[in-house]
Amino acid sequence: MMWVFFGLALLVVAWLAYRAGWDRGLLEGYKAGAAEGFKKGHEDGMKAGLKAGIKEHMVTTLVDSKPIPGMHEDLHQQVKEEVLKAITAKPEQKKAAASPKPGVIAMLWEEFGGWLLIALFVLLLVYLFRSG
C-alpha cells in the first residue's frame, strides 16, 4: 500500500514539474522569439531605409547635375534619363520553377503511409498475442 501511495505522489510531483517546465519554456521561447524578431525587423528596416536614402540621394544628385563641358546637351539628357530609369526600375524577380508532379504511388504513400504502418503494427501485435 505504501508503494502505491509513493508511486502516486511521485506521479503528481513529476506532472507538476513537467507543467512548470513547460510553462517556463514556453515563456522563455516566446521572449527569445520576440526579441529575435524585433532585432531582425530593426536590421531589415535600417537596411531598407539606407537603400532608399542612397537611391534618393542618387536621383536628386542626378537631377541637379549640370551638363559636362564639351558634351552635347541631347546626349547629356539621354544619359540622365537612362541612369534615372536604371535607378528607379525595380529588379526583375525570377519565377520559381514548377515543382515536378509526384506520382500516384508517392502521393498515396504521403497520405496513407502512416496509417498503413500503424495498421500493420496492430496486426503484428494481434498475431503475436494470439499465437502465444
N, C-alpha and C. Protein backbone atom coordinates (compact mmCIF):
# COMPACT_ATOMS: atom_id res chain seq x y z
N MET A 1 0.82 -1.19 0.00
CA MET A 1 0.00 0.00 0.00
C MET A 1 0.86 1.26 0.00
N MET A 2 1.97 1.17 0.72
CA MET A 2 2.87 2.31 0.79
C MET A 2 3.48 2.60 -0.58
N TRP A 3 3.74 1.53 -1.33
CA TRP A 3 4.34 1.71 -2.66
C TRP A 3 3.37 2.40 -3.61
N VAL A 4 2.12 2.11 -3.51
CA VAL A 4 1.10 2.75 -4.36
C VAL A 4 1.02 4.24 -4.05
N PHE A 5 0.99 4.56 -2.74
CA PHE A 5 0.95 5.97 -2.34
C PHE A 5 2.20 6.71 -2.81
N PHE A 6 3.35 6.06 -2.63
CA PHE A 6 4.62 6.67 -3.07
C PHE A 6 4.62 6.86 -4.60
N GLY A 7 4.11 5.89 -5.33
CA GLY A 7 4.05 5.99 -6.79
C GLY A 7 3.13 7.11 -7.24
N LEU A 8 1.98 7.24 -6.58
CA LEU A 8 1.06 8.33 -6.93
C LEU A 8 1.65 9.70 -6.60
N ALA A 9 2.32 9.79 -5.45
CA ALA A 9 2.96 11.06 -5.07
C ALA A 9 4.05 11.41 -6.09
N LEU A 10 4.81 10.41 -6.48
CA LEU A 10 5.87 10.63 -7.48
C LEU A 10 5.27 11.08 -8.81
N LEU A 11 4.16 10.48 -9.17
CA LEU A 11 3.48 10.85 -10.41
C LEU A 11 2.97 12.29 -10.37
N VAL A 12 2.40 12.71 -9.25
CA VAL A 12 1.90 14.08 -9.10
C VAL A 12 3.05 15.08 -9.15
N VAL A 13 4.14 14.79 -8.45
CA VAL A 13 5.30 15.69 -8.45
C VAL A 13 5.90 15.78 -9.85
N ALA A 14 5.99 14.65 -10.54
CA ALA A 14 6.54 14.67 -11.90
C ALA A 14 5.66 15.49 -12.83
N TRP A 15 4.34 15.35 -12.69
CA TRP A 15 3.42 16.12 -13.53
C TRP A 15 3.54 17.61 -13.25
N LEU A 16 3.64 18.00 -11.98
CA LEU A 16 3.80 19.41 -11.63
C LEU A 16 5.11 19.97 -12.18
N ALA A 17 6.18 19.19 -12.07
CA ALA A 17 7.47 19.64 -12.60
C ALA A 17 7.41 19.78 -14.12
N TYR A 18 6.74 18.84 -14.75
CA TYR A 18 6.59 18.90 -16.21
C TYR A 18 5.83 20.15 -16.63
N ARG A 19 4.70 20.43 -15.96
CA ARG A 19 3.90 21.61 -16.31
C ARG A 19 4.67 22.90 -16.05
N ALA A 20 5.40 22.96 -14.92
CA ALA A 20 6.18 24.16 -14.61
C ALA A 20 7.27 24.36 -15.66
N GLY A 21 7.93 23.29 -16.03
CA GLY A 21 8.96 23.38 -17.06
C GLY A 21 8.39 23.76 -18.41
N TRP A 22 7.23 23.21 -18.73
CA TRP A 22 6.56 23.52 -19.99
C TRP A 22 6.21 25.00 -20.05
N ASP A 23 5.59 25.51 -18.98
CA ASP A 23 5.19 26.93 -18.95
C ASP A 23 6.41 27.84 -19.02
N ARG A 24 7.44 27.49 -18.27
CA ARG A 24 8.65 28.31 -18.27
C ARG A 24 9.32 28.30 -19.65
N GLY A 25 9.40 27.12 -20.25
CA GLY A 25 9.99 27.00 -21.58
C GLY A 25 9.20 27.77 -22.62
N LEU A 26 7.89 27.72 -22.49
CA LEU A 26 7.02 28.45 -23.42
C LEU A 26 7.24 29.95 -23.30
N LEU A 27 7.32 30.43 -22.06
CA LEU A 27 7.52 31.86 -21.82
C LEU A 27 8.89 32.32 -22.32
N GLU A 28 9.93 31.54 -22.00
CA GLU A 28 11.28 31.92 -22.44
C GLU A 28 11.40 31.85 -23.96
N GLY A 29 10.78 30.85 -24.56
CA GLY A 29 10.80 30.75 -26.02
C GLY A 29 10.10 31.92 -26.68
N TYR A 30 8.98 32.33 -26.09
CA TYR A 30 8.25 33.48 -26.64
C TYR A 30 9.09 34.74 -26.53
N LYS A 31 9.71 34.95 -25.38
CA LYS A 31 10.54 36.15 -25.19
C LYS A 31 11.72 36.15 -26.16
N ALA A 32 12.39 35.01 -26.29
CA ALA A 32 13.54 34.93 -27.19
C ALA A 32 13.11 35.14 -28.64
N GLY A 33 11.99 34.55 -29.01
CA GLY A 33 11.48 34.71 -30.38
C GLY A 33 11.09 36.14 -30.68
N ALA A 34 10.44 36.78 -29.72
CA ALA A 34 10.03 38.18 -29.92
C ALA A 34 11.25 39.08 -30.03
N ALA A 35 12.24 38.86 -29.16
CA ALA A 35 13.45 39.68 -29.20
C ALA A 35 14.18 39.49 -30.53
N GLU A 36 14.26 38.25 -30.98
CA GLU A 36 14.94 37.97 -32.25
C GLU A 36 14.17 38.59 -33.41
N GLY A 37 12.84 38.53 -33.35
CA GLY A 37 12.02 39.13 -34.40
C GLY A 37 12.17 40.64 -34.45
N PHE A 38 12.18 41.30 -33.29
CA PHE A 38 12.37 42.75 -33.26
C PHE A 38 13.74 43.13 -33.80
N LYS A 39 14.76 42.35 -33.42
CA LYS A 39 16.12 42.63 -33.89
C LYS A 39 16.20 42.50 -35.41
N LYS A 40 15.61 41.43 -35.93
CA LYS A 40 15.63 41.20 -37.38
C LYS A 40 14.85 42.29 -38.10
N GLY A 41 13.69 42.67 -37.56
CA GLY A 41 12.89 43.73 -38.17
C GLY A 41 13.62 45.06 -38.14
N HIS A 42 14.32 45.34 -37.04
CA HIS A 42 15.08 46.59 -36.93
C HIS A 42 16.20 46.63 -37.97
N GLU A 43 16.91 45.50 -38.10
CA GLU A 43 18.00 45.44 -39.08
C GLU A 43 17.47 45.57 -40.50
N ASP A 44 16.37 44.88 -40.80
CA ASP A 44 15.78 44.97 -42.13
C ASP A 44 15.30 46.39 -42.42
N GLY A 45 14.71 47.03 -41.42
CA GLY A 45 14.25 48.41 -41.59
C GLY A 45 15.40 49.36 -41.83
N MET A 46 16.50 49.16 -41.10
CA MET A 46 17.67 50.02 -41.29
C MET A 46 18.24 49.85 -42.70
N LYS A 47 18.32 48.60 -43.15
CA LYS A 47 18.86 48.34 -44.50
C LYS A 47 17.96 48.96 -45.56
N ALA A 48 16.65 48.78 -45.41
CA ALA A 48 15.72 49.35 -46.39
C ALA A 48 15.79 50.87 -46.39
N GLY A 49 15.88 51.47 -45.20
CA GLY A 49 15.99 52.93 -45.10
C GLY A 49 17.27 53.44 -45.72
N LEU A 50 18.37 52.75 -45.47
CA LEU A 50 19.66 53.15 -46.05
C LEU A 50 19.61 53.05 -47.57
N LYS A 51 19.04 51.96 -48.07
CA LYS A 51 18.91 51.78 -49.51
C LYS A 51 18.08 52.90 -50.14
N ALA A 52 16.94 53.21 -49.51
CA ALA A 52 16.07 54.27 -50.03
C ALA A 52 16.76 55.62 -49.97
N GLY A 53 17.52 55.86 -48.90
CA GLY A 53 18.24 57.13 -48.78
C GLY A 53 19.31 57.28 -49.84
N ILE A 54 20.05 56.22 -50.10
CA ILE A 54 21.08 56.26 -51.14
C ILE A 54 20.44 56.49 -52.51
N LYS A 55 19.34 55.78 -52.76
CA LYS A 55 18.65 55.93 -54.05
C LYS A 55 18.15 57.37 -54.22
N GLU A 56 17.55 57.93 -53.17
CA GLU A 56 17.04 59.30 -53.23
C GLU A 56 18.18 60.29 -53.46
N HIS A 57 19.30 60.06 -52.79
CA HIS A 57 20.46 60.93 -52.98
C HIS A 57 20.96 60.87 -54.42
N MET A 58 21.00 59.65 -54.98
CA MET A 58 21.47 59.49 -56.36
C MET A 58 20.53 60.21 -57.33
N VAL A 59 19.23 60.06 -57.11
CA VAL A 59 18.25 60.68 -58.01
C VAL A 59 18.34 62.20 -57.93
N THR A 60 18.38 62.75 -56.71
CA THR A 60 18.45 64.21 -56.59
C THR A 60 19.76 64.76 -57.13
N THR A 61 20.85 64.03 -56.93
CA THR A 61 22.14 64.47 -57.47
C THR A 61 22.11 64.45 -58.98
N LEU A 62 21.50 63.41 -59.54
CA LEU A 62 21.43 63.29 -60.99
C LEU A 62 20.54 64.38 -61.59
N VAL A 63 19.42 64.67 -60.94
CA VAL A 63 18.51 65.69 -61.45
C VAL A 63 19.17 67.06 -61.43
N ASP A 64 19.94 67.32 -60.39
CA ASP A 64 20.59 68.62 -60.24
C ASP A 64 21.89 68.75 -61.03
N SER A 65 22.31 67.68 -61.70
CA SER A 65 23.61 67.72 -62.38
C SER A 65 23.58 68.67 -63.58
N LYS A 66 24.70 69.30 -63.78
CA LYS A 66 24.84 70.23 -64.90
C LYS A 66 25.55 69.50 -66.04
N PRO A 67 25.30 69.92 -67.26
CA PRO A 67 25.96 69.26 -68.39
C PRO A 67 27.48 69.41 -68.30
N ILE A 68 28.16 68.37 -68.74
CA ILE A 68 29.62 68.40 -68.76
C ILE A 68 30.06 69.27 -69.93
N PRO A 69 31.06 70.14 -69.71
CA PRO A 69 31.53 70.99 -70.82
C PRO A 69 32.03 70.12 -71.98
N GLY A 70 31.62 70.46 -73.16
CA GLY A 70 32.03 69.72 -74.35
C GLY A 70 31.09 68.56 -74.68
N MET A 71 30.14 68.27 -73.81
CA MET A 71 29.20 67.18 -74.06
C MET A 71 27.94 67.78 -74.66
N HIS A 72 27.42 67.12 -75.66
CA HIS A 72 26.22 67.59 -76.33
C HIS A 72 25.05 67.57 -75.35
N GLU A 73 24.18 68.57 -75.41
CA GLU A 73 23.05 68.70 -74.48
C GLU A 73 22.08 67.52 -74.60
N ASP A 74 21.80 67.07 -75.84
CA ASP A 74 20.88 65.94 -76.04
C ASP A 74 21.46 64.65 -75.46
N LEU A 75 22.77 64.46 -75.68
CA LEU A 75 23.43 63.27 -75.16
C LEU A 75 23.40 63.27 -73.63
N HIS A 76 23.64 64.44 -73.04
CA HIS A 76 23.60 64.55 -71.58
C HIS A 76 22.20 64.20 -71.06
N GLN A 77 21.17 64.70 -71.72
CA GLN A 77 19.79 64.43 -71.30
C GLN A 77 19.46 62.94 -71.46
N GLN A 78 19.94 62.34 -72.55
CA GLN A 78 19.68 60.93 -72.80
C GLN A 78 20.35 60.07 -71.72
N VAL A 79 21.60 60.39 -71.39
CA VAL A 79 22.31 59.64 -70.35
C VAL A 79 21.61 59.80 -69.01
N LYS A 80 21.18 61.01 -68.73
CA LYS A 80 20.48 61.31 -67.48
C LYS A 80 19.20 60.47 -67.37
N GLU A 81 18.43 60.39 -68.45
CA GLU A 81 17.20 59.61 -68.44
C GLU A 81 17.47 58.11 -68.27
N GLU A 82 18.51 57.62 -68.94
CA GLU A 82 18.86 56.20 -68.84
C GLU A 82 19.27 55.83 -67.41
N VAL A 83 20.10 56.69 -66.82
CA VAL A 83 20.55 56.42 -65.45
C VAL A 83 19.37 56.51 -64.48
N LEU A 84 18.50 57.49 -64.66
CA LEU A 84 17.31 57.61 -63.82
C LEU A 84 16.42 56.38 -63.93
N LYS A 85 16.26 55.90 -65.17
CA LYS A 85 15.45 54.71 -65.39
C LYS A 85 16.08 53.49 -64.71
N ALA A 86 17.41 53.38 -64.79
CA ALA A 86 18.09 52.25 -64.17
C ALA A 86 18.00 52.31 -62.64
N ILE A 87 18.05 53.52 -62.09
CA ILE A 87 17.99 53.66 -60.63
C ILE A 87 16.59 53.36 -60.11
N THR A 88 15.59 53.87 -60.77
CA THR A 88 14.22 53.75 -60.25
C THR A 88 13.53 52.45 -60.65
N ALA A 89 14.07 51.72 -61.61
CA ALA A 89 13.43 50.47 -62.04
C ALA A 89 13.58 49.41 -60.96
N LYS A 90 12.53 48.62 -60.79
CA LYS A 90 12.58 47.53 -59.82
C LYS A 90 13.25 46.33 -60.49
N PRO A 91 14.08 45.61 -59.75
CA PRO A 91 14.72 44.44 -60.35
C PRO A 91 13.69 43.36 -60.64
N GLU A 92 13.92 42.65 -61.72
CA GLU A 92 13.00 41.58 -62.11
C GLU A 92 13.19 40.40 -61.17
N GLN A 93 12.09 39.83 -60.77
CA GLN A 93 12.15 38.66 -59.90
C GLN A 93 11.99 37.42 -60.76
N LYS A 94 12.86 36.45 -60.50
CA LYS A 94 12.79 35.21 -61.26
C LYS A 94 11.62 34.38 -60.76
N LYS A 95 10.93 33.76 -61.68
CA LYS A 95 9.82 32.90 -61.31
C LYS A 95 10.38 31.56 -60.85
N ALA A 96 9.76 31.01 -59.83
CA ALA A 96 10.19 29.72 -59.32
C ALA A 96 9.83 28.64 -60.32
N ALA A 97 10.73 27.70 -60.48
CA ALA A 97 10.48 26.60 -61.40
C ALA A 97 9.34 25.75 -60.84
N ALA A 98 8.51 25.28 -61.73
CA ALA A 98 7.38 24.45 -61.31
C ALA A 98 7.92 23.14 -60.75
N SER A 99 7.41 22.76 -59.60
CA SER A 99 7.88 21.52 -58.98
C SER A 99 7.31 20.34 -59.75
N PRO A 100 8.09 19.29 -59.87
CA PRO A 100 7.59 18.12 -60.61
C PRO A 100 6.42 17.49 -59.87
N LYS A 101 5.46 17.01 -60.63
CA LYS A 101 4.27 16.41 -60.03
C LYS A 101 4.64 15.03 -59.49
N PRO A 102 4.27 14.75 -58.25
CA PRO A 102 4.59 13.43 -57.70
C PRO A 102 3.72 12.36 -58.34
N GLY A 103 4.24 11.15 -58.34
CA GLY A 103 3.48 10.04 -58.90
C GLY A 103 2.32 9.67 -57.99
N VAL A 104 1.46 8.83 -58.50
CA VAL A 104 0.27 8.41 -57.76
C VAL A 104 0.68 7.62 -56.52
N ILE A 105 1.66 6.75 -56.68
CA ILE A 105 2.10 5.92 -55.55
C ILE A 105 2.70 6.80 -54.45
N ALA A 106 3.53 7.77 -54.85
CA ALA A 106 4.14 8.67 -53.86
C ALA A 106 3.08 9.49 -53.14
N MET A 107 2.09 9.94 -53.88
CA MET A 107 1.02 10.73 -53.27
C MET A 107 0.21 9.88 -52.28
N LEU A 108 -0.10 8.65 -52.68
CA LEU A 108 -0.85 7.76 -51.78
C LEU A 108 -0.04 7.43 -50.53
N TRP A 109 1.27 7.23 -50.71
CA TRP A 109 2.13 6.92 -49.56
C TRP A 109 2.16 8.10 -48.59
N GLU A 110 2.25 9.33 -49.12
CA GLU A 110 2.25 10.51 -48.26
C GLU A 110 0.94 10.63 -47.49
N GLU A 111 -0.16 10.31 -48.13
CA GLU A 111 -1.46 10.46 -47.49
C GLU A 111 -1.76 9.34 -46.50
N PHE A 112 -1.50 8.10 -46.90
CA PHE A 112 -1.97 6.96 -46.11
C PHE A 112 -0.85 6.08 -45.57
N GLY A 113 0.40 6.42 -45.79
CA GLY A 113 1.52 5.58 -45.37
C GLY A 113 1.59 5.39 -43.87
N GLY A 114 1.39 6.46 -43.12
CA GLY A 114 1.45 6.37 -41.66
C GLY A 114 0.36 5.46 -41.11
N TRP A 115 -0.86 5.60 -41.65
CA TRP A 115 -1.96 4.75 -41.20
C TRP A 115 -1.70 3.28 -41.56
N LEU A 116 -1.09 3.06 -42.70
CA LEU A 116 -0.78 1.69 -43.11
C LEU A 116 0.22 1.06 -42.15
N LEU A 117 1.25 1.83 -41.78
CA LEU A 117 2.24 1.30 -40.84
C LEU A 117 1.62 1.01 -39.47
N ILE A 118 0.74 1.88 -39.02
CA ILE A 118 0.07 1.65 -37.73
C ILE A 118 -0.80 0.40 -37.80
N ALA A 119 -1.53 0.24 -38.91
CA ALA A 119 -2.39 -0.94 -39.07
C ALA A 119 -1.55 -2.22 -39.10
N LEU A 120 -0.42 -2.20 -39.78
CA LEU A 120 0.45 -3.38 -39.83
C LEU A 120 1.01 -3.69 -38.45
N PHE A 121 1.35 -2.67 -37.68
CA PHE A 121 1.87 -2.89 -36.34
C PHE A 121 0.80 -3.52 -35.44
N VAL A 122 -0.43 -3.02 -35.55
CA VAL A 122 -1.53 -3.59 -34.75
C VAL A 122 -1.78 -5.04 -35.15
N LEU A 123 -1.75 -5.32 -36.44
CA LEU A 123 -1.93 -6.71 -36.90
C LEU A 123 -0.81 -7.61 -36.39
N LEU A 124 0.40 -7.10 -36.34
CA LEU A 124 1.53 -7.87 -35.81
C LEU A 124 1.31 -8.16 -34.33
N LEU A 125 0.86 -7.17 -33.58
CA LEU A 125 0.59 -7.39 -32.15
C LEU A 125 -0.52 -8.42 -31.96
N VAL A 126 -1.58 -8.32 -32.74
CA VAL A 126 -2.68 -9.29 -32.64
C VAL A 126 -2.17 -10.69 -32.95
N TYR A 127 -1.37 -10.83 -33.98
CA TYR A 127 -0.83 -12.13 -34.36
C TYR A 127 0.05 -12.69 -33.25
N LEU A 128 0.91 -11.84 -32.67
CA LEU A 128 1.82 -12.32 -31.63
C LEU A 128 1.07 -12.74 -30.37
N PHE A 129 0.05 -11.99 -29.98
CA PHE A 129 -0.68 -12.35 -28.76
C PHE A 129 -1.62 -13.53 -28.98
N ARG A 130 -2.10 -13.72 -30.19
CA ARG A 130 -2.98 -14.86 -30.46
C ARG A 130 -2.18 -16.16 -30.54
N SER A 131 -0.97 -16.06 -31.11
CA SER A 131 -0.19 -17.28 -31.30
C SER A 131 0.51 -17.71 -30.02
N GLY A 132 0.71 -16.81 -29.10
CA GLY A 132 1.47 -17.12 -27.88
C GLY A 132 0.61 -17.58 -26.80
